[in-house]
């Protein structure tokens, strides 16, 4: 190996040694932390819906108000029809028609259910009155109409039993002519005198039915005058058809 070649190797060794030293020095230096760059996140865009919410709430309130007003109006019309005795007729403006419209919208409506019950009880009252006046066919009609409204009403069965008993009773019912009563005719006065004598002789208790209180009291006065000295026992009630019912005493009375 000549001189030149040996010099080459020495220089190469020096370079390698220097590179190794630099590598070792770099390894001993502390590691620099990586820089973290935070990118700002844009805030979400919130749409303002307050105006739409208020409008929706107002619309819902108005709709509920119309609904309640509709129910109240129908019930009010039903009560007016009930008070006017438009119970089942006319078909479109009767109390029954109005209350049924309410129940078609609101099946558990308390006022409408009570209205139907009031209709039934009205028919029961009419049936009882007709029975007392001896108008048995009319009484049956009223009871059938009550069944049309609510067949389950507990008073209907009792009313039928009472009507059957009235039809079998020995009571005597005298019908009076409404025109003769209005005119206080001589014919009616003679009829009332005859009825008074029958009441006195049988010891019957009587029930006078007349369209108004003045007419009922006039009938009683005419009967009492016909049996002077004898105190008749009776009562009066108001009804369209004037009648006198003689309630005869029973054997075990």
Protein backbone atom coordinates (compact mmCIF):
# COMPACT_ATOMS: atom_id res chain seq x y z
CA UNK A 1 0.00 0.00 0.00
CA UNK A 2 1.57 3.26 -1.09
CA UNK A 3 1.55 6.56 0.76
CA UNK A 4 -1.32 8.05 -1.20
CA UNK A 5 -3.63 5.18 -0.53
CA UNK A 6 -2.99 5.26 3.18
CA UNK A 7 -3.75 8.99 3.30
CA UNK A 8 -7.12 8.33 1.64
CA UNK A 9 -8.12 5.79 4.30
CA UNK A 10 -7.08 8.10 7.16
CA UNK A 11 -9.22 10.93 5.79
CA UNK A 12 -12.17 8.56 5.38
CA UNK A 13 -11.81 7.37 8.96
CA UNK A 14 -11.78 10.94 10.22
CA UNK A 15 -14.97 11.73 8.30
CA UNK A 16 -16.76 8.66 9.62
CA UNK A 17 -15.65 9.45 13.17
CA UNK A 18 -16.98 13.00 12.84
CA UNK A 19 -20.30 11.83 11.50
CA UNK A 20 -20.71 9.36 14.37
CA UNK A 21 -19.90 12.09 16.89
CA UNK A 22 -22.47 14.41 15.38
CA UNK A 23 -25.09 11.63 15.48
CA UNK A 24 -24.34 10.93 19.12
CA UNK A 25 -24.57 14.62 19.99
CA UNK A 26 -27.93 14.92 18.27
CA UNK A 27 -29.28 11.97 20.19
CA UNK A 28 -28.41 13.67 23.47
CA UNK A 29 -30.39 16.86 22.69
CA UNK A 30 -33.95 17.17 24.29
CA UNK A 31 -36.84 16.47 21.97
CA UNK A 32 -38.78 19.59 20.98
CA UNK A 33 -42.54 19.22 21.38
CA UNK A 34 -44.63 19.32 18.24
CA UNK A 35 -46.48 22.58 17.77
CA UNK A 36 -50.30 22.17 17.81
CA UNK A 37 -52.21 24.71 15.86
CA UNK A 38 -55.86 25.11 16.99
CA UNK A 39 -58.22 25.98 14.19
CA UNK A 40 -61.27 27.89 15.52
CA UNK A 41 -64.58 26.01 15.04
CA UNK A 42 -67.33 28.26 13.71
CA UNK A 43 -70.40 28.59 16.01
CA UNK A 44 -73.58 26.89 14.73
CA UNK A 45 -76.12 29.16 13.15
CA UNK A 46 -79.35 29.05 15.22
CA UNK A 47 -82.47 29.89 13.27
CA UNK A 48 -84.86 32.24 15.08
CA UNK A 49 -88.19 30.32 15.29
CA UNK A 50 -89.79 32.30 18.11
CA UNK A 51 -92.21 34.09 15.79
CA UNK A 52 -93.30 30.83 14.15
CA UNK A 53 -93.78 29.17 17.55
CA UNK A 54 -95.95 32.04 18.78
CA UNK A 55 -98.07 31.94 15.64
CA UNK A 56 -98.54 28.17 15.96
CA UNK A 57 -99.55 28.51 19.62
CA UNK A 58 -102.05 31.23 18.81
CA UNK A 59 -103.56 29.14 16.01
CA UNK A 60 -103.89 26.13 18.33
CA UNK A 61 -105.54 28.30 20.97
CA UNK A 62 -108.04 29.72 18.48
CA UNK A 63 -108.88 26.22 17.24
CA UNK A 64 -109.48 24.99 20.79
CA UNK A 65 -111.61 28.05 21.49
CA UNK A 66 -113.77 27.37 18.41
CA UNK A 67 -114.12 23.75 19.48
CA UNK A 68 -115.27 24.64 22.99
CA UNK A 69 -117.64 27.30 21.66
CA UNK A 70 -119.18 24.77 19.28
CA UNK A 71 -119.80 22.31 22.11
CA UNK A 72 -121.25 25.02 24.36
CA UNK A 73 -123.56 26.32 21.62
CA UNK A 74 -124.97 22.87 20.88
CA UNK A 75 -125.60 22.14 24.55
CA UNK A 76 -127.26 25.54 24.97
CA UNK A 77 -129.59 24.87 22.03
CA UNK A 78 -130.37 21.46 23.49
CA UNK A 79 -131.35 22.97 26.83
CA UNK A 80 -133.57 25.55 25.12
CA UNK A 81 -135.31 22.81 23.14
CA UNK A 82 -135.76 20.76 26.33
CA UNK A 83 -137.37 23.67 28.13
CA UNK A 84 -139.68 24.18 25.13
CA UNK A 85 -140.69 20.49 25.23
CA UNK A 86 -139.10 19.83 21.83
CA UNK A 87 -137.81 16.51 23.07
CA UNK A 88 -137.61 14.26 20.00
CA UNK A 89 -139.23 16.46 17.39
CA UNK A 90 -138.56 18.25 15.11
CA UNK A 91 -135.80 15.82 14.12
CA UNK A 92 -133.15 18.48 13.43
CA UNK A 93 -133.93 20.98 16.19
CA UNK A 94 -135.03 18.78 19.06
CA UNK A 95 -133.21 18.53 22.37
CA UNK A 96 -132.26 14.95 21.51
CA UNK A 97 -130.75 16.03 18.16
CA UNK A 98 -128.58 18.73 19.74
CA UNK A 99 -127.28 16.54 22.56
CA UNK A 100 -126.50 13.71 20.16
CA UNK A 101 -124.44 16.08 18.01
CA UNK A 102 -122.36 16.94 21.04
CA UNK A 103 -121.83 13.27 21.90
CA UNK A 104 -120.78 12.54 18.32
CA UNK A 105 -117.91 14.99 18.87
CA UNK A 106 -117.24 14.34 22.55
CA UNK A 107 -118.76 11.01 23.71
CA UNK A 108 -118.18 11.65 27.41
CA UNK A 109 -119.54 15.20 27.52
CA UNK A 110 -121.22 15.53 30.92
CA UNK A 111 -123.73 18.21 29.95
CA UNK A 112 -124.98 16.29 26.90
CA UNK A 113 -125.32 13.03 28.83
CA UNK A 114 -127.30 14.86 31.50
CA UNK A 115 -129.44 16.36 28.76
CA UNK A 116 -130.42 12.92 27.49
CA UNK A 117 -131.29 11.86 31.02
CA UNK A 118 -133.44 14.97 31.45
CA UNK A 119 -135.32 14.08 28.26
CA UNK A 120 -136.12 10.62 29.61
CA UNK A 121 -137.26 12.03 32.95
CA UNK A 122 -139.45 14.56 31.15
CA UNK A 123 -141.18 11.73 29.29
CA UNK A 124 -141.64 9.83 32.55
CA UNK A 125 -143.34 12.87 34.07
CA UNK A 126 -145.62 13.23 31.06
CA UNK A 127 -146.48 9.53 31.19
CA UNK A 128 -147.34 9.74 34.89
CA UNK A 129 -149.52 12.79 34.34
CA UNK A 130 -151.31 11.18 31.40
CA UNK A 131 -151.90 8.06 33.48
CA UNK A 132 -153.44 10.08 36.33
CA UNK A 133 -155.82 11.66 33.81
CA UNK A 134 -156.78 8.28 32.40
CA UNK A 135 -155.04 8.91 29.09
CA UNK A 136 -153.39 5.53 29.04
CA UNK A 137 -152.57 5.43 25.34
CA UNK A 138 -150.74 8.74 25.65
CA UNK A 139 -148.89 7.42 28.70
CA UNK A 140 -147.72 4.39 26.71
CA UNK A 141 -146.52 6.64 23.88
CA UNK A 142 -144.47 8.74 26.30
CA UNK A 143 -142.85 5.66 27.80
CA UNK A 144 -141.93 4.31 24.37
CA UNK A 145 -140.31 7.64 23.51
CA UNK A 146 -138.35 7.49 26.74
CA UNK A 147 -137.07 4.08 25.65
CA UNK A 148 -135.95 5.54 22.33
CA UNK A 149 -133.71 7.96 24.18
CA UNK A 150 -132.26 5.60 26.80
CA UNK A 151 -133.72 2.14 27.27
CA UNK A 152 -131.40 1.51 30.23
CA UNK A 153 -132.85 4.32 32.37
CA UNK A 154 -133.89 2.75 35.67
CA UNK A 155 -137.15 4.71 35.90
CA UNK A 156 -138.73 3.31 32.74
CA UNK A 157 -139.42 -0.18 34.09
CA UNK A 158 -141.04 1.25 37.23
CA UNK A 159 -143.19 3.56 35.10
CA UNK A 160 -144.51 0.64 33.06
CA UNK A 161 -145.46 -1.20 36.27
CA UNK A 162 -147.23 1.88 37.62
CA UNK A 163 -149.10 2.35 34.36
CA UNK A 164 -150.30 -1.25 34.33
CA UNK A 165 -151.54 -0.85 37.91
CA UNK A 166 -153.37 2.37 37.03
CA UNK A 167 -155.08 0.69 34.08
CA UNK A 168 -156.34 -2.07 36.38
CA UNK A 169 -157.54 0.28 39.11
CA UNK A 170 -161.19 0.99 39.82
CA UNK A 171 -160.71 4.77 39.64
CA UNK A 172 -163.29 6.70 37.64
CA UNK A 173 -162.04 9.37 35.25
CA UNK A 174 -164.29 12.12 33.90
CA UNK A 175 -163.08 14.13 30.90
CA UNK A 176 -164.17 17.76 30.73
CA UNK A 177 -164.67 19.79 27.58
CA UNK A 178 -162.01 22.49 27.35
CA UNK A 179 -164.32 24.91 25.54
CA UNK A 180 -167.09 24.46 28.12
CA UNK A 181 -164.51 25.04 30.84
CA UNK A 182 -163.29 28.25 29.22
CA UNK A 183 -166.89 29.48 28.89
CA UNK A 184 -168.01 28.03 32.25
CA UNK A 185 -171.05 26.65 30.53
CA UNK A 186 -174.23 25.45 32.24
CA UNK A 187 -173.67 21.97 30.80
CA UNK A 188 -170.30 21.73 32.52
CA UNK A 189 -171.70 23.01 35.80
CA UNK A 190 -174.32 20.25 35.71
CA UNK A 191 -171.60 17.65 34.97
CA UNK A 192 -169.48 18.90 37.88
CA UNK A 193 -172.46 18.68 40.25
CA UNK A 194 -173.06 15.07 39.22
CA UNK A 195 -169.39 14.21 39.77
CA UNK A 196 -169.47 15.86 43.22
CA UNK A 197 -172.44 13.74 44.27
CA UNK A 198 -170.64 10.61 43.07
CA UNK A 199 -167.54 11.62 45.08
CA UNK A 200 -169.65 12.19 48.20
CA UNK A 201 -171.54 8.91 47.94
CA UNK A 202 -168.46 6.80 47.22
CA UNK A 203 -166.17 8.60 49.63
CA UNK A 204 -163.73 9.05 46.79
CA UNK A 205 -160.73 11.32 46.82
CA UNK A 206 -160.57 13.34 43.60
CA UNK A 207 -157.84 14.90 41.48
CA UNK A 208 -158.74 17.90 39.32
CA UNK A 209 -156.55 18.61 36.29
CA UNK A 210 -156.97 21.92 34.46
CA UNK A 211 -154.87 24.15 32.16
CA UNK A 212 -154.45 26.85 34.83
CA UNK A 213 -154.92 27.39 38.52
CA UNK A 214 -157.97 29.67 38.16
CA UNK A 215 -159.90 27.06 36.17
CA UNK A 216 -158.94 24.29 38.59
CA UNK A 217 -160.18 26.31 41.57
CA UNK A 218 -163.42 27.14 39.77
CA UNK A 219 -164.06 23.44 39.16
CA UNK A 220 -163.48 22.69 42.83
CA UNK A 221 -165.80 25.52 43.90
CA UNK A 222 -168.62 24.23 41.66
CA UNK A 223 -168.26 20.69 43.01
CA UNK A 224 -168.20 21.82 46.62
CA UNK A 225 -171.26 24.02 46.10
CA UNK A 226 -173.17 21.01 44.73
CA UNK A 227 -172.76 19.05 47.99
CA UNK A 228 -173.24 21.80 50.54
CA UNK A 229 -172.60 20.59 54.06
CA UNK A 230 -170.19 17.86 52.93
CA UNK A 231 -166.46 18.43 52.77
CA UNK A 232 -165.00 17.03 49.55
CA UNK A 233 -161.44 15.75 49.65
CA UNK A 234 -159.27 16.36 46.64
CA UNK A 235 -156.35 18.05 45.02
CA UNK A 236 -155.59 19.98 41.86
CA UNK A 237 -152.80 19.95 39.27
CA UNK A 238 -152.11 21.73 36.01
CA UNK A 239 -152.38 19.91 32.70
CA UNK A 240 -153.54 20.55 29.16
CA UNK A 241 -156.50 18.16 29.24
CA UNK A 242 -159.10 19.01 31.93
CA UNK A 243 -160.22 15.92 33.85
CA UNK A 244 -161.48 14.81 37.23
CA UNK A 245 -160.23 11.51 38.60
CA UNK A 246 -162.20 9.89 41.38
CA UNK A 247 -159.92 7.64 43.41
CA UNK A 248 -162.31 5.19 45.00
CA UNK A 249 -161.51 3.70 48.40
CA UNK A 250 -160.32 0.09 48.39
CA UNK A 251 -161.82 -2.68 50.48
CA UNK A 252 -158.83 -2.75 52.83
CA UNK A 253 -158.69 1.04 53.25
